Amino acid sequence: MSDPRRRLALATLVVRDYDEAIAWFRDVLGFTLFSDDPLGGGKRWVTIGPQEGAALLLAKAADAPEQARIGDQAAGRVAFFLHTDDFARDHAEMRGKGVRFIETPRHEPYGTVAVFADLYGNLWDLIEPARQGA
């Protein structure tokens, strides 16, 4: 049974550079920067995401094994799922800002969806969930 006192708050995304990742998620996807706090030694606590739901913790790769994971955190599978209330609006806006969609939009029983790549190549679904009872 689900515990209503718990929710997923953050998911870590390994990035090459804090500032380039902040700029892309903020300026291209329209995410909100929630925190950007220095931790010492060049590390920062950076959280960014849509106004509702879980946010991303941007973690700058610190060594070669972490750098190798940039852009391939889910072994080529879709790793993140961005819900929208208006697929056509957001798809057009994102394409206008240079987001690379790797497929054309499609209609599935769960909603309208298309896969896109973030600035590092991680795969995301842009989804407008199907309306219940529609």
N, C-alpha and C. Protein backbone atom coordinates (compact mmCIF):
# COMPACT_ATOMS: atom_id res chain seq x y z
N MET A 1 0.85 -1.18 0.00
CA MET A 1 0.00 0.00 0.00
C MET A 1 0.89 1.24 0.00
N SER A 2 0.50 2.22 -0.77
CA SER A 2 1.26 3.46 -0.88
C SER A 2 1.14 4.30 0.39
N ASP A 3 2.23 4.91 0.76
CA ASP A 3 2.24 5.76 1.94
C ASP A 3 2.09 7.21 1.49
N PRO A 4 0.97 7.87 1.82
CA PRO A 4 0.74 9.24 1.35
C PRO A 4 1.71 10.26 1.95
N ARG A 5 2.49 9.85 2.93
CA ARG A 5 3.45 10.77 3.54
C ARG A 5 4.74 10.84 2.74
N ARG A 6 4.86 10.02 1.70
CA ARG A 6 6.09 9.98 0.92
C ARG A 6 5.82 10.38 -0.52
N ARG A 7 6.84 11.01 -1.14
CA ARG A 7 6.76 11.34 -2.56
C ARG A 7 8.18 11.41 -3.10
N LEU A 8 8.32 11.14 -4.36
CA LEU A 8 9.62 11.27 -4.99
C LEU A 8 9.89 12.75 -5.17
N ALA A 9 10.98 13.25 -4.64
CA ALA A 9 11.27 14.68 -4.66
C ALA A 9 12.32 15.04 -5.70
N LEU A 10 13.39 14.25 -5.81
CA LEU A 10 14.50 14.57 -6.72
C LEU A 10 14.98 13.32 -7.45
N ALA A 11 15.49 13.54 -8.64
CA ALA A 11 16.22 12.51 -9.39
C ALA A 11 17.52 13.16 -9.84
N THR A 12 18.62 12.45 -9.69
CA THR A 12 19.92 12.99 -10.04
C THR A 12 20.16 12.89 -11.54
N LEU A 13 20.66 13.97 -12.12
CA LEU A 13 21.06 14.00 -13.51
C LEU A 13 22.52 14.43 -13.55
N VAL A 14 23.39 13.55 -14.05
CA VAL A 14 24.82 13.87 -14.14
C VAL A 14 25.02 14.78 -15.36
N VAL A 15 25.70 15.90 -15.12
CA VAL A 15 25.89 16.92 -16.15
C VAL A 15 27.38 17.24 -16.33
N ARG A 16 27.69 17.84 -17.46
CA ARG A 16 29.07 18.25 -17.75
C ARG A 16 29.42 19.55 -17.02
N ASP A 17 28.44 20.46 -16.96
CA ASP A 17 28.69 21.78 -16.39
C ASP A 17 27.39 22.29 -15.78
N TYR A 18 27.47 22.80 -14.57
CA TYR A 18 26.27 23.31 -13.90
C TYR A 18 25.57 24.39 -14.71
N ASP A 19 26.34 25.40 -15.11
CA ASP A 19 25.73 26.58 -15.73
C ASP A 19 25.11 26.27 -17.09
N GLU A 20 25.74 25.42 -17.90
CA GLU A 20 25.14 25.09 -19.19
C GLU A 20 23.86 24.28 -18.99
N ALA A 21 23.84 23.40 -17.99
CA ALA A 21 22.64 22.61 -17.72
C ALA A 21 21.52 23.49 -17.19
N ILE A 22 21.86 24.39 -16.27
CA ILE A 22 20.84 25.32 -15.77
C ILE A 22 20.24 26.11 -16.92
N ALA A 23 21.09 26.68 -17.77
CA ALA A 23 20.60 27.49 -18.88
C ALA A 23 19.69 26.69 -19.79
N TRP A 24 20.06 25.46 -20.11
CA TRP A 24 19.24 24.67 -21.03
C TRP A 24 17.89 24.32 -20.41
N PHE A 25 17.89 23.80 -19.21
CA PHE A 25 16.62 23.40 -18.59
C PHE A 25 15.74 24.61 -18.29
N ARG A 26 16.32 25.72 -17.91
CA ARG A 26 15.55 26.93 -17.63
C ARG A 26 15.06 27.59 -18.91
N ASP A 27 15.97 27.83 -19.84
CA ASP A 27 15.63 28.62 -21.02
C ASP A 27 14.95 27.83 -22.13
N VAL A 28 15.24 26.56 -22.23
CA VAL A 28 14.66 25.74 -23.30
C VAL A 28 13.41 25.02 -22.82
N LEU A 29 13.48 24.37 -21.67
CA LEU A 29 12.31 23.64 -21.16
C LEU A 29 11.42 24.48 -20.27
N GLY A 30 11.90 25.64 -19.85
CA GLY A 30 11.08 26.51 -19.01
C GLY A 30 11.02 26.09 -17.55
N PHE A 31 12.00 25.29 -17.12
CA PHE A 31 12.04 24.85 -15.73
C PHE A 31 12.39 26.01 -14.81
N THR A 32 12.07 25.83 -13.54
CA THR A 32 12.38 26.80 -12.49
C THR A 32 13.62 26.34 -11.74
N LEU A 33 14.55 27.25 -11.51
CA LEU A 33 15.72 26.96 -10.69
C LEU A 33 15.31 27.13 -9.24
N PHE A 34 15.30 26.05 -8.49
CA PHE A 34 14.86 26.08 -7.10
C PHE A 34 16.01 26.38 -6.14
N SER A 35 17.19 25.86 -6.44
CA SER A 35 18.33 26.13 -5.57
C SER A 35 19.62 26.05 -6.37
N ASP A 36 20.60 26.81 -5.93
CA ASP A 36 21.95 26.78 -6.49
C ASP A 36 22.88 27.23 -5.38
N ASP A 37 23.26 26.29 -4.54
CA ASP A 37 24.03 26.60 -3.34
C ASP A 37 25.42 25.98 -3.41
N PRO A 38 26.47 26.76 -3.16
CA PRO A 38 27.83 26.20 -3.16
C PRO A 38 28.02 25.24 -1.99
N LEU A 39 28.73 24.13 -2.28
CA LEU A 39 29.00 23.13 -1.25
C LEU A 39 30.49 23.04 -0.94
N GLY A 40 31.30 23.83 -1.64
CA GLY A 40 32.74 23.76 -1.45
C GLY A 40 33.37 22.81 -2.45
N GLY A 41 34.62 23.04 -2.75
CA GLY A 41 35.34 22.17 -3.66
C GLY A 41 34.80 22.15 -5.07
N GLY A 42 34.10 23.22 -5.46
CA GLY A 42 33.53 23.29 -6.80
C GLY A 42 32.18 22.62 -6.96
N LYS A 43 31.71 21.98 -5.91
CA LYS A 43 30.40 21.32 -5.96
C LYS A 43 29.31 22.31 -5.60
N ARG A 44 28.13 22.08 -6.19
CA ARG A 44 26.96 22.92 -5.90
C ARG A 44 25.74 22.02 -5.73
N TRP A 45 24.81 22.48 -4.92
CA TRP A 45 23.50 21.82 -4.76
C TRP A 45 22.55 22.58 -5.67
N VAL A 46 22.29 22.00 -6.86
CA VAL A 46 21.48 22.66 -7.87
C VAL A 46 20.24 21.81 -8.13
N THR A 47 19.07 22.39 -7.86
CA THR A 47 17.81 21.70 -8.16
C THR A 47 17.00 22.55 -9.12
N ILE A 48 16.40 21.89 -10.08
CA ILE A 48 15.67 22.57 -11.14
C ILE A 48 14.55 21.64 -11.61
N GLY A 49 13.43 22.21 -12.00
CA GLY A 49 12.35 21.36 -12.50
C GLY A 49 11.11 22.16 -12.81
N PRO A 50 10.07 21.46 -13.25
CA PRO A 50 8.79 22.13 -13.47
C PRO A 50 8.21 22.56 -12.13
N GLN A 51 7.20 23.40 -12.16
CA GLN A 51 6.61 23.91 -10.92
C GLN A 51 6.00 22.80 -10.06
N GLU A 52 5.52 21.75 -10.69
CA GLU A 52 4.90 20.65 -9.94
C GLU A 52 5.64 19.35 -10.19
N GLY A 53 5.63 18.48 -9.22
CA GLY A 53 6.26 17.17 -9.37
C GLY A 53 7.70 17.17 -8.92
N ALA A 54 8.37 16.08 -9.22
CA ALA A 54 9.76 15.92 -8.82
C ALA A 54 10.65 16.89 -9.60
N ALA A 55 11.79 17.20 -9.01
CA ALA A 55 12.78 18.07 -9.64
C ALA A 55 14.04 17.27 -9.92
N LEU A 56 14.95 17.87 -10.65
CA LEU A 56 16.24 17.27 -10.93
C LEU A 56 17.30 17.86 -10.01
N LEU A 57 18.18 17.01 -9.51
CA LEU A 57 19.38 17.45 -8.83
C LEU A 57 20.50 17.35 -9.86
N LEU A 58 21.03 18.49 -10.29
CA LEU A 58 22.10 18.49 -11.28
C LEU A 58 23.42 18.22 -10.57
N ALA A 59 24.10 17.16 -10.98
CA ALA A 59 25.34 16.74 -10.34
C ALA A 59 26.45 16.76 -11.38
N LYS A 60 27.41 17.65 -11.21
CA LYS A 60 28.52 17.75 -12.15
C LYS A 60 29.41 16.52 -12.03
N ALA A 61 29.67 15.90 -13.18
CA ALA A 61 30.54 14.72 -13.20
C ALA A 61 31.90 15.07 -12.61
N ALA A 62 32.37 14.23 -11.69
CA ALA A 62 33.59 14.53 -10.96
C ALA A 62 34.80 13.73 -11.45
N ASP A 63 34.58 12.64 -12.21
CA ASP A 63 35.70 11.81 -12.65
C ASP A 63 35.32 11.11 -13.95
N ALA A 64 36.23 10.36 -14.48
CA ALA A 64 36.02 9.72 -15.79
C ALA A 64 34.81 8.78 -15.81
N PRO A 65 34.61 7.92 -14.79
CA PRO A 65 33.42 7.06 -14.83
C PRO A 65 32.10 7.85 -14.83
N GLU A 66 32.05 8.94 -14.07
CA GLU A 66 30.84 9.77 -14.07
C GLU A 66 30.69 10.49 -15.40
N GLN A 67 31.80 10.98 -15.95
CA GLN A 67 31.74 11.67 -17.25
C GLN A 67 31.24 10.72 -18.34
N ALA A 68 31.57 9.45 -18.24
CA ALA A 68 31.13 8.47 -19.23
C ALA A 68 29.61 8.25 -19.19
N ARG A 69 28.98 8.59 -18.09
CA ARG A 69 27.53 8.38 -17.94
C ARG A 69 26.73 9.58 -18.45
N ILE A 70 27.37 10.71 -18.68
CA ILE A 70 26.65 11.89 -19.15
C ILE A 70 25.95 11.55 -20.46
N GLY A 71 24.66 11.76 -20.50
CA GLY A 71 23.88 11.52 -21.70
C GLY A 71 23.43 10.09 -21.89
N ASP A 72 23.82 9.20 -21.01
CA ASP A 72 23.45 7.78 -21.15
C ASP A 72 23.14 7.17 -19.79
N GLN A 73 22.42 7.90 -18.99
CA GLN A 73 22.13 7.43 -17.64
C GLN A 73 21.17 6.27 -17.59
N ALA A 74 20.41 6.05 -18.67
CA ALA A 74 19.43 4.96 -18.67
C ALA A 74 19.72 3.96 -19.79
N ALA A 75 20.99 3.87 -20.19
CA ALA A 75 21.43 2.90 -21.19
C ALA A 75 20.63 3.01 -22.49
N GLY A 76 20.37 4.25 -22.92
CA GLY A 76 19.68 4.46 -24.18
C GLY A 76 18.16 4.40 -24.12
N ARG A 77 17.62 4.16 -22.95
CA ARG A 77 16.16 4.13 -22.77
C ARG A 77 15.67 5.51 -22.34
N VAL A 78 14.37 5.71 -22.47
CA VAL A 78 13.79 6.96 -21.95
C VAL A 78 13.96 6.95 -20.44
N ALA A 79 14.53 8.03 -19.93
CA ALA A 79 14.83 8.12 -18.50
C ALA A 79 13.87 9.04 -17.75
N PHE A 80 13.31 10.03 -18.46
CA PHE A 80 12.51 11.05 -17.80
C PHE A 80 11.22 11.26 -18.57
N PHE A 81 10.17 11.64 -17.85
CA PHE A 81 8.83 11.76 -18.42
C PHE A 81 8.26 13.12 -18.02
N LEU A 82 8.12 13.99 -19.01
CA LEU A 82 7.64 15.35 -18.78
C LEU A 82 6.19 15.44 -19.22
N HIS A 83 5.29 15.61 -18.26
CA HIS A 83 3.86 15.73 -18.57
C HIS A 83 3.52 17.17 -18.92
N THR A 84 2.56 17.32 -19.82
CA THR A 84 2.06 18.62 -20.23
C THR A 84 0.54 18.57 -20.31
N ASP A 85 -0.08 19.73 -20.21
CA ASP A 85 -1.54 19.80 -20.39
C ASP A 85 -1.88 20.20 -21.82
N ASP A 86 -0.86 20.48 -22.64
CA ASP A 86 -1.09 20.88 -24.04
C ASP A 86 0.11 20.44 -24.87
N PHE A 87 0.03 19.24 -25.41
CA PHE A 87 1.14 18.67 -26.16
C PHE A 87 1.52 19.53 -27.35
N ALA A 88 0.53 19.91 -28.16
CA ALA A 88 0.81 20.67 -29.38
C ALA A 88 1.55 21.97 -29.07
N ARG A 89 1.12 22.69 -28.05
CA ARG A 89 1.76 23.95 -27.67
C ARG A 89 3.21 23.71 -27.28
N ASP A 90 3.43 22.76 -26.37
CA ASP A 90 4.79 22.55 -25.86
C ASP A 90 5.70 21.92 -26.90
N HIS A 91 5.19 21.02 -27.71
CA HIS A 91 5.98 20.42 -28.77
C HIS A 91 6.47 21.50 -29.73
N ALA A 92 5.56 22.38 -30.16
CA ALA A 92 5.93 23.46 -31.08
C ALA A 92 6.94 24.41 -30.44
N GLU A 93 6.71 24.78 -29.18
CA GLU A 93 7.62 25.70 -28.49
C GLU A 93 9.01 25.08 -28.33
N MET A 94 9.05 23.82 -27.94
CA MET A 94 10.33 23.15 -27.74
C MET A 94 11.08 23.01 -29.06
N ARG A 95 10.39 22.65 -30.13
CA ARG A 95 11.04 22.55 -31.44
C ARG A 95 11.57 23.91 -31.87
N GLY A 96 10.81 24.96 -31.59
CA GLY A 96 11.24 26.32 -31.92
C GLY A 96 12.49 26.74 -31.16
N LYS A 97 12.74 26.11 -30.01
CA LYS A 97 13.93 26.42 -29.22
C LYS A 97 15.07 25.44 -29.49
N GLY A 98 14.88 24.61 -30.52
CA GLY A 98 15.96 23.72 -30.93
C GLY A 98 15.99 22.35 -30.29
N VAL A 99 14.95 21.97 -29.54
CA VAL A 99 14.93 20.64 -28.95
C VAL A 99 14.84 19.61 -30.06
N ARG A 100 15.65 18.58 -29.96
CA ARG A 100 15.69 17.51 -30.97
C ARG A 100 14.73 16.39 -30.58
N PHE A 101 13.64 16.31 -31.31
CA PHE A 101 12.70 15.19 -31.13
C PHE A 101 13.18 14.06 -32.03
N ILE A 102 13.24 12.86 -31.49
CA ILE A 102 13.77 11.74 -32.27
C ILE A 102 12.67 10.90 -32.90
N GLU A 103 11.44 11.34 -32.74
CA GLU A 103 10.32 10.68 -33.38
C GLU A 103 9.20 11.69 -33.56
N THR A 104 8.28 11.36 -34.44
CA THR A 104 7.11 12.21 -34.62
C THR A 104 6.12 11.90 -33.50
N PRO A 105 5.28 12.85 -33.15
CA PRO A 105 4.28 12.60 -32.09
C PRO A 105 3.38 11.42 -32.47
N ARG A 106 3.00 10.69 -31.46
CA ARG A 106 2.11 9.55 -31.67
C ARG A 106 1.05 9.52 -30.58
N HIS A 107 -0.06 8.87 -30.89
CA HIS A 107 -1.15 8.74 -29.92
C HIS A 107 -1.15 7.31 -29.39
N GLU A 108 -1.08 7.21 -28.09
CA GLU A 108 -1.10 5.91 -27.40
C GLU A 108 -2.29 5.90 -26.46
N PRO A 109 -2.69 4.74 -25.96
CA PRO A 109 -3.81 4.70 -25.03
C PRO A 109 -3.60 5.59 -23.79
N TYR A 110 -2.34 5.78 -23.40
CA TYR A 110 -2.04 6.60 -22.21
C TYR A 110 -1.90 8.09 -22.53
N GLY A 111 -1.87 8.47 -23.84
CA GLY A 111 -1.80 9.87 -24.18
C GLY A 111 -1.02 10.14 -25.45
N THR A 112 -0.81 11.42 -25.74
CA THR A 112 -0.01 11.85 -26.87
C THR A 112 1.43 11.98 -26.40
N VAL A 113 2.38 11.44 -27.18
CA VAL A 113 3.76 11.36 -26.71
C VAL A 113 4.74 11.50 -27.87
N ALA A 114 5.91 12.03 -27.57
CA ALA A 114 7.05 12.01 -28.48
C ALA A 114 8.32 12.02 -27.64
N VAL A 115 9.34 11.31 -28.11
CA VAL A 115 10.61 11.24 -27.40
C VAL A 115 11.52 12.36 -27.90
N PHE A 116 12.17 13.04 -26.94
CA PHE A 116 13.16 14.05 -27.28
C PHE A 116 14.43 13.81 -26.48
N ALA A 117 15.52 14.44 -26.94
CA ALA A 117 16.81 14.33 -26.27
C ALA A 117 17.13 15.65 -25.59
N ASP A 118 17.68 15.58 -24.38
CA ASP A 118 18.12 16.80 -23.72
C ASP A 118 19.49 17.22 -24.28
N LEU A 119 20.09 18.24 -23.72
CA LEU A 119 21.34 18.76 -24.26
C LEU A 119 22.47 17.76 -24.24
N TYR A 120 22.37 16.71 -23.42
CA TYR A 120 23.42 15.70 -23.34
C TYR A 120 23.08 14.43 -24.10
N GLY A 121 21.83 14.30 -24.53
CA GLY A 121 21.41 13.10 -25.24
C GLY A 121 20.54 12.16 -24.43
N ASN A 122 20.31 12.46 -23.14
CA ASN A 122 19.38 11.64 -22.36
C ASN A 122 18.00 11.73 -23.02
N LEU A 123 17.28 10.63 -23.01
CA LEU A 123 15.97 10.60 -23.65
C LEU A 123 14.86 10.89 -22.66
N TRP A 124 13.89 11.66 -23.14
CA TRP A 124 12.73 12.09 -22.37
C TRP A 124 11.48 11.82 -23.20
N ASP A 125 10.37 11.54 -22.54
CA ASP A 125 9.06 11.55 -23.18
C ASP A 125 8.38 12.86 -22.84
N LEU A 126 7.86 13.55 -23.85
CA LEU A 126 6.91 14.64 -23.63
C LEU A 126 5.55 14.00 -23.79
N ILE A 127 4.72 14.07 -22.75
CA ILE A 127 3.44 13.36 -22.74
C ILE A 127 2.30 14.28 -22.31
N GLU A 128 1.25 14.27 -23.09
CA GLU A 128 -0.03 14.80 -22.62
C GLU A 128 -0.88 13.59 -22.28
N PRO A 129 -1.05 13.31 -20.98
CA PRO A 129 -1.80 12.11 -20.60
C PRO A 129 -3.23 12.15 -21.15
N ALA A 130 -3.71 10.95 -21.49
CA ALA A 130 -5.09 10.83 -21.96
C ALA A 130 -6.02 11.22 -20.81
N ARG A 131 -7.08 11.86 -21.16
CA ARG A 131 -8.07 12.24 -20.15
C ARG A 131 -8.86 11.01 -19.75
N GLN A 132 -9.07 10.86 -18.47
CA GLN A 132 -9.84 9.72 -17.97
C GLN A 132 -11.27 9.82 -18.49
N GLY A 133 -11.78 8.72 -19.01
CA GLY A 133 -13.16 8.69 -19.48
C GLY A 133 -13.35 9.29 -20.86
N ALA A 134 -12.24 9.68 -21.50
CA ALA A 134 -12.36 10.30 -22.83
C ALA A 134 -12.35 9.25 -23.91
